[in-house]
Amino acid sequence: MIQIQSLSCQYGDKTVLDTITLELTQARVGIVGRNGSGKSTLARAFSGLIRPEQGRILINGIDVLNDRKSSLSAVGILFQNPDHQIIFPTVEEEISFGLRQLGHSKADASTKTDETLANFGKSDWAKRPVSTLSQGQRHLVCLMSVLAMAPSVIILDEPFSGLDIPTTRALQKRLNQLDQTLIHITHDPAMIADYDRVLWIEGGKIIADGAPETVLPEYLRVMEADDAGAHL
């Protein structure tokens, strides 16, 4: 259960999210919208990474904006650029960090890190410098780091941007196998065509909310019309 109550965010004089109220119970929720519509701001608010001017976000009853420690086990996020997420030089240090933030001992965090790497068939990555990994491999490190913390909700903020097709398909397959609730923010409607629910956000407001077969065709129609007009 995800509850968003009267959420508003501003950057300077610009309102980026405008009094959004939502209740999400579906396992797979997609969010679309053009650049600057408020999608990434909503993702960061979901994760407790920014403080809005007003409103609350509850995930299974946890106030992610005011209970930071509990929110770490409630929600995780995968950014568009893994280099904005990774802060430690080796893979095992990166995965262990979140576990230590949750309160695990150094030994327990090390054990859980080893288990996470083994589950992905990447035990040989433990001591590997993150700088030697490809973009897709760094995305996988971020995913492993999030999953090690066992959140109930994972926010995907354009996680496939800049990746080649084989890497995108491999990561998408991993994500599709997860039990966690996924909130997927994307420019590509094909990525969320089989989701349970799609939100279309424009100007900081939800302007459409429903099944993908209802929301996405109209979204594509508007985007294609805007694209045609831009080339006149």
Protein backbone atom coordinates (compact mmCIF):
# COMPACT_ATOMS: atom_id res chain seq x y z
CA MET A 1 0.00 0.00 0.00
CA ILE A 2 1.44 3.35 -1.12
CA GLN A 3 -0.39 6.49 -0.09
CA ILE A 4 0.51 9.95 -1.39
CA GLN A 5 -1.32 12.71 0.43
CA SER A 6 -1.48 16.27 -0.97
CA LEU A 7 2.13 16.18 -2.17
CA SER A 8 3.54 19.49 -3.47
CA CYS A 9 7.14 20.33 -4.42
CA GLN A 10 8.68 23.56 -5.64
CA TYR A 11 12.05 24.56 -7.09
CA GLY A 12 12.30 28.28 -6.50
CA ASP A 13 9.11 29.83 -7.82
CA LYS A 14 8.25 26.82 -10.00
CA THR A 15 5.72 24.28 -8.77
CA VAL A 16 7.01 20.86 -9.86
CA LEU A 17 4.42 18.67 -8.10
CA ASP A 18 1.01 20.18 -7.48
CA THR A 19 -1.03 18.68 -4.62
CA ILE A 20 -0.85 15.06 -5.79
CA THR A 21 -2.99 12.53 -3.93
CA LEU A 22 -2.81 8.85 -4.90
CA GLU A 23 -3.31 5.39 -3.47
CA LEU A 24 -1.33 2.62 -5.18
CA THR A 25 -1.94 -1.04 -4.46
CA GLN A 26 -0.84 -2.60 -7.77
CA ALA A 27 2.40 -4.59 -8.12
CA ARG A 28 3.54 -2.82 -11.29
CA VAL A 29 2.91 0.90 -11.82
CA GLY A 30 4.32 2.90 -14.72
CA ILE A 31 4.72 6.68 -14.86
CA VAL A 32 5.07 8.61 -18.14
CA GLY A 33 5.40 12.28 -19.01
CA ARG A 34 7.56 14.65 -20.97
CA ASN A 35 10.79 16.21 -19.67
CA GLY A 36 10.16 18.57 -16.79
CA SER A 37 6.75 17.13 -15.99
CA GLY A 38 7.73 16.20 -12.41
CA LYS A 39 8.41 12.47 -12.85
CA SER A 40 11.92 12.40 -11.35
CA THR A 41 10.90 14.73 -8.54
CA LEU A 42 8.11 12.31 -7.68
CA ALA A 43 10.61 9.43 -7.73
CA ARG A 44 12.90 11.23 -5.29
CA ALA A 45 9.99 12.13 -3.04
CA PHE A 46 8.89 8.46 -3.08
CA SER A 47 12.37 7.56 -1.84
CA GLY A 48 12.53 10.24 0.84
CA LEU A 49 15.43 11.95 -0.93
CA ILE A 50 13.78 15.37 -1.11
CA ARG A 51 11.49 17.16 1.28
CA PRO A 52 8.34 18.56 -0.29
CA GLU A 53 6.69 21.83 0.65
CA GLN A 54 3.68 19.85 1.85
CA GLY A 55 2.24 16.35 1.92
CA ARG A 56 3.05 12.84 3.10
CA ILE A 57 4.09 9.56 1.50
CA LEU A 58 3.28 6.36 3.37
CA ILE A 59 4.55 2.95 2.27
CA ASN A 60 2.94 0.18 4.28
CA GLY A 61 2.35 2.76 6.98
CA ILE A 62 5.95 4.04 7.04
CA ASP A 63 6.32 7.79 6.60
CA VAL A 64 9.26 7.84 4.17
CA LEU A 65 9.75 11.59 4.55
CA ASN A 66 10.07 11.59 8.33
CA ASP A 67 11.31 8.11 9.28
CA ARG A 68 14.51 7.78 7.27
CA LYS A 69 15.80 4.56 8.84
CA SER A 70 12.53 2.68 8.37
CA SER A 71 12.19 4.04 4.84
CA LEU A 72 15.46 2.34 3.85
CA SER A 73 13.75 -1.03 4.23
CA ALA A 74 10.51 0.23 2.67
CA VAL A 75 11.75 1.72 -0.61
CA GLY A 76 14.80 1.62 -2.85
CA ILE A 77 15.58 3.52 -6.04
CA LEU A 78 17.53 2.85 -9.23
CA PHE A 79 18.65 6.09 -10.86
CA GLN A 80 19.05 6.74 -14.56
CA ASN A 81 22.82 7.10 -14.10
CA PRO A 82 24.40 4.50 -11.77
CA ASP A 83 27.34 6.85 -11.17
CA HIS A 84 24.93 9.13 -9.30
CA GLN A 85 24.18 6.22 -6.96
CA ILE A 86 27.47 4.37 -6.46
CA ILE A 87 29.77 5.95 -3.87
CA PHE A 88 32.25 3.20 -2.93
CA PRO A 89 35.24 1.92 -4.92
CA THR A 90 34.51 -1.83 -4.83
CA VAL A 91 31.38 -3.86 -5.43
CA GLU A 92 31.30 -5.46 -1.97
CA GLU A 93 31.71 -2.09 -0.24
CA GLU A 94 28.85 -0.64 -2.25
CA ILE A 95 26.47 -3.48 -1.41
CA SER A 96 27.50 -3.59 2.25
CA PHE A 97 26.95 0.13 2.79
CA GLY A 98 23.15 -0.01 2.68
CA LEU A 99 23.10 -2.99 5.00
CA ARG A 100 25.22 -1.14 7.56
CA GLN A 101 22.80 1.80 7.28
CA LEU A 102 20.01 -0.57 8.25
CA GLY A 103 21.92 -1.46 11.41
CA HIS A 104 23.55 -4.75 10.41
CA SER A 105 26.90 -5.54 11.96
CA LYS A 106 29.97 -5.50 9.73
CA ALA A 107 30.11 -9.31 9.79
CA ASP A 108 26.41 -9.71 9.05
CA ALA A 109 26.58 -7.15 6.23
CA SER A 110 29.54 -9.02 4.75
CA THR A 111 27.63 -12.32 4.85
CA LYS A 112 24.53 -10.81 3.26
CA THR A 113 26.68 -9.16 0.59
CA ASP A 114 28.26 -12.52 -0.27
CA GLU A 115 24.81 -14.10 -0.45
CA THR A 116 23.53 -11.36 -2.75
CA LEU A 117 26.48 -11.71 -5.11
CA ALA A 118 26.09 -15.49 -5.14
CA ASN A 119 22.36 -15.21 -5.94
CA PHE A 120 23.27 -13.24 -9.05
CA GLY A 121 26.18 -15.50 -9.98
CA LYS A 122 28.62 -12.63 -9.41
CA SER A 123 30.68 -13.82 -6.43
CA ASP A 124 33.84 -13.03 -8.37
CA TRP A 125 32.82 -9.34 -8.43
CA ALA A 126 33.27 -8.83 -4.67
CA LYS A 127 36.70 -7.19 -4.77
CA ARG A 128 36.27 -5.77 -8.24
CA PRO A 129 36.63 -1.98 -8.62
CA VAL A 130 33.38 -0.45 -9.80
CA SER A 131 35.38 1.69 -12.24
CA THR A 132 36.21 -1.44 -14.27
CA LEU A 133 32.55 -2.31 -14.87
CA SER A 134 30.45 -1.40 -17.89
CA GLN A 135 27.39 0.84 -17.61
CA GLY A 136 25.08 -2.18 -17.57
CA GLN A 137 27.21 -3.94 -14.94
CA ARG A 138 27.13 -0.84 -12.72
CA HIS A 139 23.34 -0.80 -13.04
CA LEU A 140 23.38 -4.41 -11.85
CA VAL A 141 25.53 -3.45 -8.85
CA CYS A 142 22.94 -0.79 -7.97
CA LEU A 143 20.16 -3.35 -8.28
CA MET A 144 22.01 -5.83 -6.06
CA SER A 145 22.66 -3.09 -3.50
CA VAL A 146 18.95 -2.23 -3.38
CA LEU A 147 17.79 -5.84 -3.23
CA ALA A 148 20.21 -6.68 -0.42
CA MET A 149 18.25 -4.22 1.72
CA ALA A 150 14.97 -6.07 0.88
CA PRO A 151 12.69 -3.06 0.33
CA SER A 152 9.03 -3.67 -0.39
CA VAL A 153 8.98 -1.05 -3.17
CA ILE A 154 11.57 -0.27 -5.85
CA ILE A 155 11.51 2.98 -7.83
CA LEU A 156 12.96 2.79 -11.34
CA ASP A 157 13.89 6.24 -12.68
CA GLU A 158 14.70 5.67 -16.38
CA PRO A 159 17.07 2.78 -15.45
CA PHE A 160 17.63 1.67 -19.07
CA SER A 161 18.64 5.04 -20.50
CA GLY A 162 21.86 4.77 -22.50
CA LEU A 163 22.03 0.97 -22.37
CA ASP A 164 22.25 -1.24 -25.44
CA ILE A 165 19.38 -3.59 -26.30
CA PRO A 166 20.91 -6.85 -24.92
CA THR A 167 21.82 -5.20 -21.60
CA THR A 168 18.38 -3.61 -21.34
CA ARG A 169 16.67 -6.95 -21.94
CA ALA A 170 18.86 -8.71 -19.37
CA LEU A 171 18.16 -6.12 -16.67
CA GLN A 172 14.48 -6.01 -17.54
CA LYS A 173 14.30 -9.78 -17.16
CA ARG A 174 15.85 -9.49 -13.68
CA LEU A 175 13.36 -6.82 -12.68
CA ASN A 176 10.37 -8.74 -14.01
CA GLN A 177 11.26 -11.64 -11.72
CA LEU A 178 11.15 -9.54 -8.55
CA ASP A 179 8.43 -9.90 -5.93
CA GLN A 180 8.70 -6.24 -4.93
CA THR A 181 6.32 -3.56 -6.10
CA LEU A 182 7.88 -1.65 -9.02
CA ILE A 183 7.20 2.01 -9.78
CA HIS A 184 8.74 2.52 -13.23
CA ILE A 185 9.31 6.03 -14.60
CA THR A 186 10.06 5.99 -18.32
CA HIS A 187 9.85 7.83 -21.64
CA ASP A 188 9.30 4.51 -23.43
CA PRO A 189 5.70 3.26 -23.22
CA ALA A 190 6.76 -0.19 -24.47
CA MET A 191 8.58 -0.74 -21.16
CA ILE A 192 5.35 -0.55 -19.18
CA ALA A 193 2.79 -1.80 -21.69
CA ASP A 194 2.05 -4.89 -19.60
CA TYR A 195 1.97 -3.10 -16.23
CA ASP A 196 -1.08 -3.06 -13.96
CA ARG A 197 -1.51 0.72 -13.90
CA VAL A 198 -0.07 3.78 -15.66
CA LEU A 199 0.03 7.38 -14.45
CA TRP A 200 0.56 10.25 -16.91
CA ILE A 201 1.99 13.34 -15.27
CA GLU A 202 2.12 16.80 -16.85
CA GLY A 203 2.93 20.10 -15.18
CA GLY A 204 3.16 18.40 -11.82
CA LYS A 205 -0.36 16.98 -12.02
CA ILE A 206 -1.73 13.52 -12.80
CA ILE A 207 -3.76 14.04 -15.97
CA ALA A 208 -4.49 10.36 -16.70
CA ASP A 209 -4.57 7.29 -14.48
CA GLY A 210 -5.63 3.81 -15.50
CA ALA A 211 -4.79 0.65 -17.40
CA PRO A 212 -1.92 0.94 -19.91
CA GLU A 213 -4.19 0.14 -22.84
CA THR A 214 -6.26 3.18 -21.89
CA VAL A 215 -3.57 5.72 -20.92
CA LEU A 216 -0.69 4.94 -23.27
CA PRO A 217 -2.43 5.33 -26.67
CA GLU A 218 -3.57 8.86 -25.76
CA TYR A 219 -0.14 9.70 -24.34
CA LEU A 220 1.51 8.55 -27.58
CA ARG A 221 -0.99 10.49 -29.66
CA VAL A 222 -0.18 13.72 -27.83
CA MET A 223 3.58 13.13 -27.92
CA GLU A 224 3.50 12.36 -31.65
CA ALA A 225 1.40 15.46 -32.33
CA ASP A 226 3.90 17.58 -30.35
CA ASP A 227 6.78 16.02 -32.28
CA ALA A 228 5.11 16.76 -35.62
CA GLY A 229 4.50 20.36 -34.61
CA ALA A 230 8.10 20.82 -33.53
CA HIS A 231 9.30 20.06 -37.08
CA LEU A 232 6.99 22.47 -38.91
